[in-house]
């Protein structure tokens, strides 16, 4: 039987595409997974499984997590609405207004329907307690929009997608990766040339969906597009995302789009391995920095730890840390905030001391400068009430950089410090697609037979991103790409903006 839809990649976006294609009538869908079976799943396996999506009221979450109050009593009373306007405001703010309007509208406008679709497919969901829940008294308060994740985090999400795809009759070929796209005389993509343990083979298909990630695991491309010191960065996820799909797409004329000099990067344990650990997955993340003070090896602060909630700053902070001397920094906390540190800190080994003076003496930093930094910080503290659930305005001003929120004196023993570096998650540069996820070429028209989703789609994120929107984008554009590749593209009415028509390069 001829292949109707060939999907390159096997993460959240790619498997969303494969399942959507089957749902929309594609009789034979084949997925090419570059990794061996035991390392399958792309970056999805290493993620926290969080989905950011718009909803008008807490009750809109009930179909997704009907039994959630067994997990979190009083859940629906503690969740704030997150309407499309707020999602749009967050996305535009953190990307500094550089998000592509058409793509942003697709992401935001289809986010809720898509997460409902995920649940219908059989992806189990739960409250993201350990990721975004802050306990105040007997109540757990969630960061708006960052409320629901896949049960079992990225490991559970990846497992669920493979089980769903296999139940739907999707064929998955491991240790097989596309190296070239095949086109007919009219320029239509008609398949790929793939490499497997058996050698090279041509695989024909009526449509090809590229969902095989960015170039974050390719040090040469990181040096080329991101510059120093990204060539030496640690990779939070899979070692297999080396830019294959981008290279193939641009070889047939796809238009590059988005911020090719930007990426999602995260503060991680300085001792994390060079690539993602299958056992630890995202547990090397260190995202509780708003509650403490961050210093570099020169003993100086270099970032406003309280600029915003961590879900709106962490994706840029990893790169800022990597740009510090030796690419390392130290997060310092006192006992007052110990209960607020997310559980992932338990996978690290902190430096501990009974006094702040002793702690500084144990840090591999310029200690005299660090003492001055902390003294200046203390002297700049203002009045107010510490509230980890709100931008509390408790600031340290008159110093550079200021700390805008959650600025407290370090005065409660014991004191701890965690060494962190910047870990790259995914790259922001990709190819241009239209509202049907068709890849666009140089004449601003679609490359016939070619679609893209996930990290392959450029233009959505720039400089930074709101936590949880990457997996959501993967599912939204994967679903669109799979349906369109099967011959049933979604209607325009699902989005508020018309796409600009474009063509292959």
Foldseek 3Di string as FASTA:
>chain_A
DAFAEEEEAQALLRLLLLLLLLVLPGPAYEYEFQAAPVQGHWLLLLFQQWAFAADAALVLCCLQPVPQCVVFPPVRVQADGGHLVNQVVLLCVLQVNQFDVQLSLLLHLCLSVLSSVVVVLPQRKYFSCLPAWDDDPSHTHGDHRGTMGGVVGSNSRSVRSVVSSVVSPHHYDYSKGFQAFDADPVQATFFGWIQHPVGTDTGGYQFYEYEHAAQQLALVLCCVQQNPPSSQFAALADNPHRHRVQVRQVVSFFAKFARSNFFFKAWFFPPADSHHDSVCSNLRGFQPLLQFFKAAQQLAGADQSQPDHSLSPGRQVQVVLCPTVVQKMKRKAAPVCPVVGRPSCVVDDWQKDFDPLVSLVPDNHNSVSNVVNLVLLVVQWDDFDADPNDQGQRWRDPDVPIHRGNRDRRDHPIMIMGMIGMHTHHGQMAGAAWPLQFGFGDQQAGSHRYGYFQSRHHRRHHSTRRPNSRSSRSSSRSSSNSSVSSPHHDDPVSGDDHTGGGHGD
